[in-house]
Amino acid sequence: MNELTQVLDKNGLIVAFLLVGLLTWLTDLFSKKVLKSRIPGSAIAIFLALFFGYLGGVVAGGEKGLADINLFKGLSVLGGSMFRDFAIVATAIGASFLLIRKSGLLGLISLILGIAVFFISGVALAWVMGYRDAVSLCTIGAGACTYIVGPVTGGALGASSEVIALSIGTGVVKTIAVTIFTPIFAKKIGLESPGSAMAFGGIMGTSSGVAAGLAATDPKLVPYGAVTATFYTGLGCLVCPSLFYLLISALLS
């Protein structure tokens, strides 16, 4: 056991890949065999990962979830920004730029519409929760766009850790909802072509939710939805702490 522990300790990143792969495989198997694919395995995997992360943080008394436990320290690398950005770029490379050009105007409209609608919804939610200052309203509104835009906006505006945590939680709930409901409503909303996938990615915005939802619907659509979803994140990080913050400040003054 001591030798096994040493091997696992020296190969933290490989252990992290093994854990994530095992979790993904088991949840996908559970989804297909037990739930008849009504709920995609990726959605179950995300939920369980959040639960295990919380459990690991409680047990270890740290802030990095399971990565706070020495045996699973490789998860901090696998879950870091380097692999996240690599995955986004690798996914985007799979798209056909001829089809992207054809859906250029559609993608642009969906991006603007998606960011505006979710930001306003997030601001309304924050207002109902009792927040009245522009920084908090803008941060939680940005979190409703994605759980990446929320903390980026909060950090830029100097929001409190509580507000930033709320923005991340809002984005995570949205991601899980998009993951679960995309394959359920795909046929009803006409999500069957690269153009519709790009529009969907631009409106929903959450890269992981869009990718997981489209993967459960039709894997061929994933690159197209992921491209506009990635643009959504970048555009959100640009306009939320600047233009939208100025607009909210003007409305409150």
Protein backbone atom coordinates (compact mmCIF):
# COMPACT_ATOMS: atom_id res chain seq x y z
CA MET A 1 0.00 0.00 0.00
CA ASN A 2 2.90 2.34 0.73
CA GLU A 3 4.36 1.68 -2.72
CA LEU A 4 0.96 2.25 -4.35
CA THR A 5 0.54 5.52 -2.46
CA GLN A 6 3.96 6.68 -3.65
CA VAL A 7 3.14 5.82 -7.27
CA LEU A 8 -0.17 7.70 -7.10
CA ASP A 9 1.50 10.64 -5.38
CA LYS A 10 4.15 10.94 -8.10
CA ASN A 11 1.60 10.70 -10.93
CA GLY A 12 -1.09 13.10 -9.73
CA LEU A 13 -2.15 14.29 -13.18
CA ILE A 14 -2.54 10.72 -14.49
CA VAL A 15 -4.64 9.87 -11.43
CA ALA A 16 -6.79 12.93 -12.15
CA PHE A 17 -7.35 11.81 -15.76
CA LEU A 18 -8.20 8.33 -14.50
CA LEU A 19 -10.73 9.65 -11.98
CA VAL A 20 -12.46 11.95 -14.46
CA GLY A 21 -12.51 9.27 -17.14
CA LEU A 22 -13.91 6.72 -14.72
CA LEU A 23 -16.58 9.13 -13.49
CA THR A 24 -17.56 10.06 -17.06
CA TRP A 25 -17.74 6.43 -18.17
CA LEU A 26 -19.81 5.31 -15.17
CA THR A 27 -22.28 8.20 -15.42
CA ASP A 28 -22.65 7.68 -19.18
CA LEU A 29 -23.29 3.98 -18.58
CA PHE A 30 -25.82 4.81 -15.84
CA SER A 31 -27.56 7.30 -18.13
CA LYS A 32 -27.90 4.81 -21.01
CA LYS A 33 -28.76 1.67 -19.04
CA VAL A 34 -30.87 3.06 -16.19
CA LEU A 35 -32.25 6.41 -17.36
CA LYS A 36 -32.55 5.45 -21.05
CA SER A 37 -30.56 8.61 -21.95
CA ARG A 38 -33.32 10.90 -20.64
CA ILE A 39 -30.66 12.78 -18.66
CA PRO A 40 -27.22 12.95 -20.33
CA GLY A 41 -24.37 11.32 -18.48
CA SER A 42 -22.36 14.55 -18.66
CA ALA A 43 -24.99 16.34 -16.57
CA ILE A 44 -24.85 13.60 -13.92
CA ALA A 45 -21.04 13.74 -14.01
CA ILE A 46 -21.06 17.52 -13.46
CA PHE A 47 -23.44 17.18 -10.52
CA LEU A 48 -21.38 14.41 -8.92
CA ALA A 49 -18.14 16.32 -9.53
CA LEU A 50 -19.59 19.34 -7.73
CA PHE A 51 -20.74 17.12 -4.87
CA PHE A 52 -17.37 15.36 -4.54
CA GLY A 53 -15.59 18.71 -4.77
CA TYR A 54 -17.70 20.07 -1.93
CA LEU A 55 -17.19 16.90 0.09
CA GLY A 56 -13.44 17.02 -0.44
CA GLY A 57 -13.29 20.64 0.67
CA VAL A 58 -15.25 19.85 3.83
CA VAL A 59 -13.10 16.82 4.68
CA ALA A 60 -9.78 18.52 3.99
CA GLY A 61 -10.85 21.94 5.24
CA GLY A 62 -9.44 23.66 2.16
CA GLU A 63 -10.65 25.68 -0.83
CA LYS A 64 -9.80 23.45 -3.80
CA GLY A 65 -12.26 20.61 -3.29
CA LEU A 66 -10.86 17.12 -3.81
CA ALA A 67 -7.52 18.64 -4.81
CA ASP A 68 -7.01 19.57 -1.14
CA ILE A 69 -6.60 15.86 -0.45
CA ASN A 70 -3.00 14.95 -1.28
CA LEU A 71 -3.98 11.80 -3.17
CA PHE A 72 -6.06 13.85 -5.64
CA LYS A 73 -3.81 16.90 -5.96
CA GLY A 74 -3.51 16.36 -9.73
CA LEU A 75 -7.10 17.56 -10.10
CA SER A 76 -5.91 21.12 -9.41
CA VAL A 77 -3.82 20.93 -12.61
CA LEU A 78 -6.43 19.16 -14.71
CA GLY A 79 -9.10 21.61 -13.56
CA GLY A 80 -6.89 24.65 -14.03
CA SER A 81 -7.00 27.36 -16.67
CA MET A 82 -4.36 25.73 -18.90
CA PHE A 83 -6.38 22.59 -19.65
CA ARG A 84 -9.63 24.59 -19.82
CA ASP A 85 -8.23 26.90 -22.51
CA PHE A 86 -6.67 23.94 -24.34
CA ALA A 87 -10.03 22.15 -24.41
CA ILE A 88 -11.80 25.27 -25.73
CA VAL A 89 -9.25 25.79 -28.52
CA ALA A 90 -9.18 22.08 -29.43
CA THR A 91 -12.97 22.02 -29.69
CA ALA A 92 -13.11 25.16 -31.82
CA ILE A 93 -10.57 23.71 -34.31
CA GLY A 94 -13.11 21.03 -35.21
CA ALA A 95 -15.47 23.59 -36.75
CA SER A 96 -15.78 24.33 -40.46
CA PHE A 97 -15.09 28.02 -41.09
CA LEU A 98 -17.13 27.96 -44.29
CA LEU A 99 -20.24 27.16 -42.25
CA ILE A 100 -19.21 29.69 -39.61
CA ARG A 101 -19.07 32.45 -42.25
CA LYS A 102 -22.51 31.48 -43.50
CA SER A 103 -23.91 31.87 -39.99
CA GLY A 104 -21.95 35.06 -39.25
CA LEU A 105 -24.88 37.46 -38.87
CA LEU A 106 -26.97 34.82 -37.12
CA GLY A 107 -24.13 34.15 -34.69
CA LEU A 108 -23.65 37.86 -34.00
CA ILE A 109 -27.34 38.43 -33.30
CA SER A 110 -27.51 35.38 -31.04
CA LEU A 111 -24.47 36.58 -29.08
CA ILE A 112 -25.91 40.05 -28.45
CA LEU A 113 -29.35 38.67 -27.63
CA GLY A 114 -28.00 35.92 -25.37
CA ILE A 115 -25.74 38.16 -23.30
CA ALA A 116 -28.37 40.88 -22.92
CA VAL A 117 -31.20 38.52 -21.90
CA PHE A 118 -29.21 36.53 -19.35
CA PHE A 119 -27.50 39.61 -17.92
CA ILE A 120 -30.83 41.36 -17.38
CA SER A 121 -32.23 38.17 -15.82
CA GLY A 122 -29.28 37.96 -13.45
CA VAL A 123 -29.60 41.60 -12.47
CA ALA A 124 -33.31 41.07 -11.78
CA LEU A 125 -32.47 38.05 -9.61
CA ALA A 126 -29.88 40.05 -7.68
CA TRP A 127 -32.40 42.87 -7.16
CA VAL A 128 -34.96 40.42 -5.78
CA MET A 129 -32.27 39.07 -3.43
CA GLY A 130 -31.86 42.56 -1.99
CA TYR A 131 -28.74 43.86 -3.73
CA ARG A 132 -28.93 47.52 -4.71
CA ASP A 133 -25.34 48.53 -5.56
CA ALA A 134 -24.11 48.53 -9.15
CA VAL A 135 -21.10 46.29 -8.46
CA SER A 136 -23.13 43.45 -6.94
CA LEU A 137 -25.91 43.71 -9.53
CA CYS A 138 -23.43 43.68 -12.38
CA THR A 139 -21.41 40.77 -10.96
CA ILE A 140 -24.43 38.51 -10.40
CA GLY A 141 -25.84 39.54 -13.77
CA ALA A 142 -22.53 38.55 -15.38
CA GLY A 143 -22.66 35.24 -13.50
CA ALA A 144 -26.00 34.52 -15.15
CA CYS A 145 -24.14 34.77 -18.48
CA THR A 146 -21.54 32.17 -17.46
CA TYR A 147 -19.72 31.16 -14.31
CA ILE A 148 -16.52 32.48 -15.91
CA VAL A 149 -17.83 35.95 -16.79
CA GLY A 150 -19.20 36.37 -13.24
CA PRO A 151 -15.93 36.14 -11.28
CA VAL A 152 -14.01 38.02 -14.00
CA THR A 153 -16.49 40.88 -13.71
CA GLY A 154 -16.53 40.71 -9.91
CA GLY A 155 -12.74 40.78 -9.75
CA ALA A 156 -12.56 43.75 -12.12
CA LEU A 157 -15.16 45.75 -10.16
CA GLY A 158 -13.95 44.79 -6.69
CA ALA A 159 -17.03 42.78 -5.65
CA SER A 160 -17.09 40.92 -2.34
CA SER A 161 -16.25 37.20 -2.20
CA GLU A 162 -19.88 36.48 -1.26
CA VAL A 163 -21.20 38.16 -4.39
CA ILE A 164 -18.60 36.47 -6.59
CA ALA A 165 -19.56 33.09 -5.10
CA LEU A 166 -23.22 33.82 -5.89
CA SER A 167 -22.32 34.72 -9.47
CA ILE A 168 -20.44 31.44 -9.88
CA GLY A 169 -23.35 29.48 -8.37
CA THR A 170 -25.78 31.17 -10.75
CA GLY A 171 -23.60 30.25 -13.72
CA VAL A 172 -23.23 26.64 -12.57
CA VAL A 173 -27.01 26.24 -12.23
CA LYS A 174 -27.40 27.59 -15.76
CA THR A 175 -24.74 25.20 -17.07
CA ILE A 176 -26.44 22.16 -15.53
CA ALA A 177 -29.84 23.30 -16.81
CA VAL A 178 -28.52 23.75 -20.36
CA THR A 179 -26.82 20.35 -20.21
CA ILE A 180 -29.96 18.55 -19.04
CA PHE A 181 -32.61 20.29 -21.14
CA THR A 182 -30.76 20.62 -24.47
CA PRO A 183 -31.25 16.99 -25.62
CA ILE A 184 -34.81 17.02 -24.28
CA PHE A 185 -35.95 20.05 -26.30
CA ALA A 186 -33.51 19.79 -29.24
CA LYS A 187 -36.05 18.55 -31.80
CA LYS A 188 -38.75 20.95 -30.64
CA ILE A 189 -36.51 24.01 -31.17
CA GLY A 190 -35.03 22.72 -34.45
CA LEU A 191 -31.53 22.09 -33.12
CA GLU A 192 -30.43 19.89 -36.01
CA SER A 193 -27.95 21.87 -38.16
CA PRO A 194 -24.61 23.68 -37.72
CA GLY A 195 -26.36 27.05 -38.11
CA SER A 196 -28.90 26.31 -35.40
CA ALA A 197 -26.10 24.98 -33.16
CA MET A 198 -24.18 28.24 -33.57
CA ALA A 199 -27.27 30.28 -32.75
CA PHE A 200 -27.93 28.06 -29.74
CA GLY A 201 -24.33 28.40 -28.50
CA GLY A 202 -24.51 32.17 -28.92
CA ILE A 203 -27.74 32.48 -26.95
CA MET A 204 -26.93 30.02 -24.14
CA GLY A 205 -23.28 30.98 -23.86
CA THR A 206 -22.03 28.46 -21.32
CA SER A 207 -19.31 26.53 -23.16
CA SER A 208 -19.41 23.41 -21.01
CA GLY A 209 -23.22 23.28 -20.88
CA VAL A 210 -23.59 23.84 -24.62
CA ALA A 211 -20.89 21.28 -25.45
CA ALA A 212 -22.35 18.66 -23.10
CA GLY A 213 -25.92 19.29 -24.26
CA LEU A 214 -25.01 19.13 -27.94
CA ALA A 215 -22.87 16.02 -27.37
CA ALA A 216 -25.95 14.30 -25.96
CA THR A 217 -28.00 15.56 -28.93
CA ASP A 218 -25.60 15.15 -31.88
CA PRO A 219 -21.80 15.11 -31.38
CA LYS A 220 -21.29 16.60 -34.86
CA LEU A 221 -22.89 19.85 -33.69
CA VAL A 222 -20.54 20.35 -30.73
CA PRO A 223 -17.79 22.37 -32.52
CA TYR A 224 -20.29 24.86 -33.95
CA GLY A 225 -22.09 25.50 -30.68
CA ALA A 226 -18.78 25.66 -28.82
CA VAL A 227 -17.38 28.34 -31.16
CA THR A 228 -20.12 30.90 -30.51
CA ALA A 229 -20.29 29.90 -26.84
CA THR A 230 -16.56 30.68 -26.57
CA PHE A 231 -17.10 34.05 -28.27
CA TYR A 232 -19.94 34.62 -25.81
CA THR A 233 -17.59 34.19 -22.85
CA GLY A 234 -15.02 36.56 -24.31
CA LEU A 235 -17.60 39.18 -25.24
CA GLY A 236 -19.23 38.88 -21.82
CA CYS A 237 -15.89 39.43 -20.06
CA LEU A 238 -15.46 42.55 -22.19
CA VAL A 239 -18.86 44.26 -21.90
CA CYS A 240 -20.10 43.22 -18.44
CA PRO A 241 -17.49 45.03 -16.31
CA SER A 242 -17.41 48.02 -18.65
CA LEU A 243 -20.47 48.94 -20.73
CA PHE A 244 -23.08 47.11 -18.64
CA TYR A 245 -21.59 48.40 -15.38
CA LEU A 246 -21.74 51.98 -16.66
CA LEU A 247 -25.36 51.49 -17.74
CA ILE A 248 -26.38 50.10 -14.35
CA SER A 249 -24.54 52.87 -12.52
CA ALA A 250 -26.34 55.46 -14.65
CA LEU A 251 -29.72 53.85 -13.98
CA LEU A 252 -29.14 53.76 -10.22
CA SER A 253 -27.86 57.33 -9.98
